[in-house]
Amino acid sequence: MAIELAKELKKYTNKIRLVSRNPQKINADDELLPANLLDKAAVEKAVEGSDVVYLTAGLKYDIKVWQRDWPLIMQNVINACVKHHAKLVFFDNVYSYAPDEIPDMTEESRMAPVTKKGKVRANLVRNIFDSVKNNGLTAMITRSADFYGANVSTGFLNIGVINNLKKNKKSFWQSDVNRIHSFTYVPDAAKAVALLGNTPDAYNQTWHLPTSSEKWTGKDFINQVAAQLNVRPRYYILSKFIISLLGFFSSDIRELNEMQYQNDQDYFFDSRKFQQRFSFNPTSYEEGIRQSVS
């Protein structure tokens, strides 16, 4: 996401500062600033002189890491933004929504997470809006469904389906292949986040990033990827039982277990608020997959 966002921000500014442990230029004139977001002084230096701060950081998919590091990172960023009068744009996911909201998610969906990861994410959002209310912060939440696209290394559509079928291996899906599942195309998300960050009256609220309204099931995605690659649509299911079993041997798989409520029911992400405000048509799944597999 950060790479695509850096490209999109060139439409709005020639002053882009990339901050991470080991930043690399995306645009020729990017400013690079190595920093550890757990270091308060380093974050203040990174934010100083900025008009808008885009927090797109991703941590290891480990609940202990999330509980330890996310609150400190967010507080460091909020404090630095308030101190230097910078606006904050936070790239978020849907983990904070109540399980019964997953079949039809909107910006008004109830935040009532039941998972450990969801509770971490919900607290980050609360901290942002508490600071908006009480500390003079100007901020927004930009929220994405599960995402996919070329060179995406963490999305499960890429990992489970696209990457495996490209190697003519059997793909996999989590829990139920017959359920609807929305996916946000990363280039669309990057365009939207850059646009929102540069729209003054878009702040102090939540935005769902543009996502196709097509109601495809897991099987639809597998069939489409296979058809575009001209291979058989072979797949197996990572059921809750298998995930629980494999979790004894793999911490990465064990981390998936508590999130299966998002895969054993329909998962539909409504982005009409953004689409109507900015007259934006999300990329279709057929076209997004074509770009992702090419």
Protein backbone atom coordinates (compact mmCIF):
# COMPACT_ATOMS: atom_id res chain seq x y z
CA MET A 1 0.00 0.00 0.00
CA ALA A 2 2.74 2.48 0.95
CA ILE A 3 4.47 2.12 -2.44
CA GLU A 4 1.29 2.79 -4.41
CA LEU A 5 0.38 5.69 -2.11
CA ALA A 6 3.77 7.35 -2.62
CA LYS A 7 3.21 7.21 -6.37
CA GLU A 8 -0.28 8.74 -6.08
CA LEU A 9 0.85 11.56 -3.79
CA LYS A 10 3.00 12.95 -6.60
CA LYS A 11 -0.24 14.32 -8.08
CA TYR A 12 -0.58 16.60 -5.05
CA THR A 13 2.93 17.46 -3.84
CA ASN A 14 6.62 17.29 -4.69
CA LYS A 15 7.55 17.00 -1.02
CA ILE A 16 7.17 13.37 0.05
CA ARG A 17 9.02 12.01 3.06
CA LEU A 18 9.16 8.22 3.36
CA VAL A 19 9.64 6.95 6.90
CA SER A 20 10.42 3.37 7.93
CA ARG A 21 13.28 1.36 9.35
CA ASN A 22 14.84 1.05 5.89
CA PRO A 23 13.06 3.43 3.50
CA GLN A 24 13.68 3.25 -0.25
CA LYS A 25 12.79 5.83 -2.86
CA ILE A 26 9.62 5.32 -4.87
CA ASN A 27 9.83 8.68 -6.66
CA ALA A 28 13.17 10.17 -7.67
CA ASP A 29 12.89 13.16 -5.33
CA ASP A 30 11.53 11.40 -2.24
CA GLU A 31 13.10 12.32 1.08
CA LEU A 32 14.13 9.23 3.06
CA LEU A 33 14.12 9.18 6.85
CA PRO A 34 15.03 5.95 8.66
CA ALA A 35 13.10 5.74 11.92
CA ASN A 36 11.70 3.33 14.46
CA LEU A 37 8.06 4.28 15.14
CA LEU A 38 8.46 3.02 18.71
CA ASP A 39 10.93 5.87 19.32
CA LYS A 40 9.07 9.04 20.32
CA ALA A 41 11.91 11.38 19.31
CA ALA A 42 12.30 9.69 15.93
CA VAL A 43 8.58 10.01 15.23
CA GLU A 44 8.61 13.70 16.16
CA LYS A 45 11.49 14.26 13.76
CA ALA A 46 9.65 12.34 11.04
CA VAL A 47 6.47 14.40 11.44
CA GLU A 48 8.10 17.82 11.85
CA GLY A 49 7.39 20.07 8.87
CA SER A 50 4.64 17.82 7.49
CA ASP A 51 1.17 18.96 6.51
CA VAL A 52 -0.31 15.46 6.27
CA VAL A 53 0.94 12.23 7.86
CA TYR A 54 -0.15 8.92 6.32
CA LEU A 55 0.16 6.03 8.77
CA THR A 56 0.22 2.85 6.69
CA ALA A 57 2.53 0.77 8.90
CA GLY A 58 2.06 -2.96 9.13
CA LEU A 59 3.32 -5.08 12.01
CA LYS A 60 4.09 -8.77 12.15
CA TYR A 61 0.82 -10.75 12.26
CA ASP A 62 1.31 -11.70 15.90
CA ILE A 63 -1.10 -10.62 18.62
CA LYS A 64 1.68 -10.20 21.19
CA VAL A 65 3.48 -7.80 18.85
CA TRP A 66 0.24 -5.94 18.14
CA GLN A 67 -0.62 -5.54 21.83
CA ARG A 68 2.90 -4.43 22.69
CA ASP A 69 3.72 -2.10 19.80
CA TRP A 70 0.56 -0.67 18.22
CA PRO A 71 -0.58 1.48 21.18
CA LEU A 72 2.86 3.05 21.52
CA ILE A 73 3.21 3.68 17.79
CA MET A 74 -0.19 5.32 17.61
CA GLN A 75 0.39 7.50 20.66
CA ASN A 76 3.77 8.62 19.30
CA VAL A 77 2.20 9.54 15.97
CA ILE A 78 -0.79 11.32 17.51
CA ASN A 79 1.43 13.33 19.87
CA ALA A 80 3.76 14.33 17.06
CA CYS A 81 0.87 15.36 14.80
CA VAL A 82 -0.68 17.50 17.53
CA LYS A 83 2.67 19.10 18.37
CA HIS A 84 3.50 19.94 14.75
CA HIS A 85 -0.07 20.70 13.60
CA ALA A 86 -0.05 17.90 11.02
CA LYS A 87 -3.17 16.10 9.85
CA LEU A 88 -3.27 12.32 10.34
CA VAL A 89 -4.60 9.78 7.84
CA PHE A 90 -4.74 6.25 9.27
CA PHE A 91 -5.01 3.24 6.94
CA ASP A 92 -7.18 0.75 8.84
CA ASN A 93 -8.86 -2.62 8.37
CA VAL A 94 -12.26 -4.04 9.37
CA TYR A 95 -11.17 -5.98 12.46
CA SER A 96 -12.88 -3.57 14.86
CA TYR A 97 -16.39 -4.25 13.51
CA ALA A 98 -18.78 -6.52 15.40
CA PRO A 99 -19.02 -10.00 13.84
CA ASP A 100 -22.68 -9.52 12.88
CA GLU A 101 -21.74 -6.42 10.85
CA ILE A 102 -19.43 -8.34 8.50
CA PRO A 103 -22.11 -9.31 5.92
CA ASP A 104 -22.85 -5.62 5.20
CA MET A 105 -20.15 -3.24 6.42
CA THR A 106 -20.56 0.53 6.15
CA GLU A 107 -18.88 3.45 7.90
CA GLU A 108 -21.74 3.34 10.40
CA SER A 109 -21.21 -0.32 11.33
CA ARG A 110 -20.94 -1.01 15.04
CA MET A 111 -17.47 -1.30 16.55
CA ALA A 112 -17.65 -4.25 18.95
CA PRO A 113 -14.77 -6.63 18.25
CA VAL A 114 -14.63 -10.04 19.90
CA THR A 115 -11.07 -10.94 18.87
CA LYS A 116 -7.82 -9.85 20.44
CA LYS A 117 -6.61 -8.28 17.19
CA GLY A 118 -9.93 -6.52 16.72
CA LYS A 119 -9.75 -5.00 20.18
CA VAL A 120 -6.27 -3.65 19.45
CA ARG A 121 -7.50 -2.01 16.24
CA ALA A 122 -10.63 -0.59 17.90
CA ASN A 123 -8.53 1.03 20.62
CA LEU A 124 -6.34 2.71 17.99
CA VAL A 125 -9.40 4.24 16.35
CA ARG A 126 -10.79 5.37 19.72
CA ASN A 127 -7.47 7.01 20.57
CA ILE A 128 -7.53 8.93 17.29
CA PHE A 129 -11.06 10.26 17.74
CA ASP A 130 -10.48 11.00 21.43
CA SER A 131 -7.55 13.17 20.36
CA VAL A 132 -9.70 14.84 17.70
CA LYS A 133 -12.24 15.71 20.39
CA ASN A 134 -9.91 16.64 23.21
CA ASN A 135 -6.45 17.53 21.87
CA GLY A 136 -7.00 19.41 18.63
CA LEU A 137 -5.94 16.59 16.33
CA THR A 138 -7.27 16.63 12.75
CA ALA A 139 -7.51 13.07 11.46
CA MET A 140 -9.43 10.51 9.46
CA ILE A 141 -9.78 6.74 9.25
CA THR A 142 -9.46 5.26 5.76
CA ARG A 143 -10.64 1.67 5.92
CA SER A 144 -10.02 -1.18 3.51
CA ALA A 145 -11.45 -4.65 3.11
CA ASP A 146 -8.99 -7.50 2.61
CA PHE A 147 -6.82 -6.23 -0.22
CA TYR A 148 -5.19 -7.61 -3.37
CA GLY A 149 -3.11 -6.45 -6.31
CA ALA A 150 0.16 -6.90 -8.13
CA ASN A 151 3.10 -7.41 -5.73
CA VAL A 152 0.85 -7.68 -2.67
CA SER A 153 2.65 -9.98 -0.26
CA THR A 154 0.16 -10.33 2.60
CA GLY A 155 -3.37 -10.46 1.18
CA PHE A 156 -4.88 -13.94 1.28
CA LEU A 157 -6.30 -13.69 -2.26
CA ASN A 158 -2.74 -13.20 -3.47
CA ILE A 159 -1.18 -15.75 -1.14
CA GLY A 160 -3.82 -18.46 -1.33
CA VAL A 161 -5.06 -18.18 -4.90
CA ILE A 162 -3.08 -16.00 -7.30
CA ASN A 163 0.42 -17.02 -6.24
CA ASN A 164 -0.38 -20.74 -6.08
CA LEU A 165 -2.28 -20.94 -9.37
CA LYS A 166 0.50 -18.99 -11.11
CA LYS A 167 2.78 -21.85 -10.07
CA ASN A 168 0.10 -24.33 -11.24
CA LYS A 169 -0.27 -25.48 -7.64
CA LYS A 170 -3.54 -26.11 -5.82
CA SER A 171 -4.94 -22.89 -4.33
CA PHE A 172 -6.58 -22.62 -0.92
CA TRP A 173 -9.45 -20.70 0.67
CA GLN A 174 -10.32 -20.17 4.32
CA SER A 175 -13.41 -21.72 5.93
CA ASP A 176 -16.11 -21.49 3.23
CA VAL A 177 -15.51 -21.08 -0.51
CA ASN A 178 -19.20 -20.42 -1.16
CA ARG A 179 -19.45 -17.23 0.90
CA ILE A 180 -19.30 -13.72 -0.59
CA HIS A 181 -16.03 -11.94 0.12
CA SER A 182 -15.09 -8.37 -0.81
CA PHE A 183 -11.54 -7.39 -1.74
CA THR A 184 -10.15 -3.86 -2.16
CA TYR A 185 -7.81 -3.35 -5.11
CA VAL A 186 -4.63 -1.68 -3.79
CA PRO A 187 -4.21 0.87 -6.63
CA ASP A 188 -7.80 2.05 -6.02
CA ALA A 189 -7.13 2.32 -2.30
CA ALA A 190 -3.95 4.34 -2.87
CA LYS A 191 -5.72 6.79 -5.21
CA ALA A 192 -8.49 7.23 -2.66
CA VAL A 193 -6.21 7.74 0.36
CA ALA A 194 -4.17 10.38 -1.50
CA LEU A 195 -7.35 12.15 -2.60
CA LEU A 196 -8.89 12.05 0.88
CA GLY A 197 -5.73 13.33 2.52
CA ASN A 198 -5.85 16.33 0.21
CA THR A 199 -9.57 17.07 0.73
CA PRO A 200 -9.89 19.43 3.72
CA ASP A 201 -13.53 18.65 4.54
CA ALA A 202 -12.96 14.89 4.49
CA TYR A 203 -11.30 14.88 7.91
CA ASN A 204 -12.59 13.83 11.34
CA GLN A 205 -14.62 10.93 9.96
CA THR A 206 -14.26 7.40 8.59
CA TRP A 207 -14.14 6.49 4.90
CA HIS A 208 -14.45 3.08 3.29
CA LEU A 209 -11.99 2.92 0.42
CA PRO A 210 -13.45 2.16 -3.04
CA THR A 211 -14.20 -1.54 -3.43
CA SER A 212 -16.12 -3.38 -6.14
CA SER A 213 -19.78 -3.95 -5.29
CA GLU A 214 -19.74 -7.28 -7.14
CA LYS A 215 -20.77 -10.08 -4.80
CA TRP A 216 -18.27 -12.79 -5.67
CA THR A 217 -17.72 -15.94 -3.66
CA GLY A 218 -14.40 -17.59 -3.02
CA LYS A 219 -15.17 -20.04 -5.80
CA ASP A 220 -15.80 -17.13 -8.20
CA PHE A 221 -12.36 -15.70 -7.46
CA ILE A 222 -10.65 -19.06 -7.86
CA ASN A 223 -12.41 -19.71 -11.16
CA GLN A 224 -11.57 -16.25 -12.51
CA VAL A 225 -7.88 -16.45 -11.59
CA ALA A 226 -7.63 -19.94 -13.07
CA ALA A 227 -9.36 -18.85 -16.29
CA GLN A 228 -7.01 -15.90 -16.75
CA LEU A 229 -3.99 -18.12 -16.13
CA ASN A 230 -5.43 -20.93 -18.28
CA VAL A 231 -5.03 -23.53 -15.51
CA ARG A 232 -7.44 -25.80 -13.67
CA PRO A 233 -9.25 -24.12 -10.73
CA ARG A 234 -7.96 -26.55 -8.14
CA TYR A 235 -8.30 -25.67 -4.46
CA TYR A 236 -8.58 -27.03 -0.94
CA ILE A 237 -10.22 -25.52 2.13
CA LEU A 238 -8.42 -24.42 5.27
CA SER A 239 -11.24 -25.28 7.66
CA LYS A 240 -11.35 -24.15 11.28
CA PHE A 241 -10.35 -27.66 12.33
CA ILE A 242 -7.34 -27.73 10.00
CA ILE A 243 -6.28 -24.24 11.05
CA SER A 244 -6.51 -25.27 14.70
CA LEU A 245 -4.51 -28.42 14.00
CA LEU A 246 -1.81 -26.71 11.94
CA GLY A 247 -1.63 -23.97 14.54
CA PHE A 248 0.19 -26.35 16.85
CA PHE A 249 3.07 -26.35 14.36
CA SER A 250 2.92 -22.83 12.87
CA SER A 251 2.43 -19.58 14.79
CA ASP A 252 1.48 -17.81 11.54
CA ILE A 253 -1.42 -20.19 10.92
CA ARG A 254 -2.41 -20.13 14.59
CA GLU A 255 -2.93 -16.36 14.26
CA LEU A 256 -5.62 -16.98 11.61
CA ASN A 257 -7.86 -18.97 13.91
CA GLU A 258 -9.65 -16.16 15.76
CA MET A 259 -10.42 -14.34 12.49
CA GLN A 260 -12.45 -17.11 10.84
CA TYR A 261 -15.75 -15.37 11.68
CA GLN A 262 -14.86 -13.18 8.67
CA ASN A 263 -14.66 -16.20 6.35
CA ASP A 264 -17.46 -18.53 7.47
CA GLN A 265 -20.15 -15.94 6.66
CA ASP A 266 -20.66 -13.41 3.87
CA TYR A 267 -18.18 -10.49 4.03
CA PHE A 268 -19.41 -7.48 2.06
CA PHE A 269 -17.73 -4.06 2.16
CA ASP A 270 -19.84 -1.07 1.11
CA SER A 271 -17.90 1.94 -0.22
CA ARG A 272 -20.78 3.98 -1.65
CA LYS A 273 -20.01 6.97 0.58
CA PHE A 274 -16.66 7.52 -1.13
CA GLN A 275 -17.87 6.55 -4.59
CA GLN A 276 -20.76 9.00 -4.52
CA ARG A 277 -18.76 11.86 -3.01
CA PHE A 278 -15.91 11.58 -5.54
CA SER A 279 -17.69 9.97 -8.53
CA PHE A 280 -15.26 7.06 -8.37
CA ASN A 281 -15.90 3.68 -9.98
CA PRO A 282 -13.85 0.90 -8.34
CA THR A 283 -11.91 -1.50 -10.52
CA SER A 284 -13.90 -4.62 -11.38
CA TYR A 285 -12.66 -7.93 -10.02
CA GLU A 286 -12.04 -9.26 -13.51
CA GLU A 287 -9.81 -6.30 -14.38
CA GLY A 288 -8.11 -6.23 -10.98
CA ILE A 289 -7.25 -9.90 -11.25
CA ARG A 290 -5.99 -9.39 -14.81
CA GLN A 291 -3.61 -6.71 -13.57
CA SER A 292 -2.59 -8.82 -10.57
CA VAL A 293 -1.70 -11.96 -12.48
CA SER A 294 0.00 -10.31 -15.48
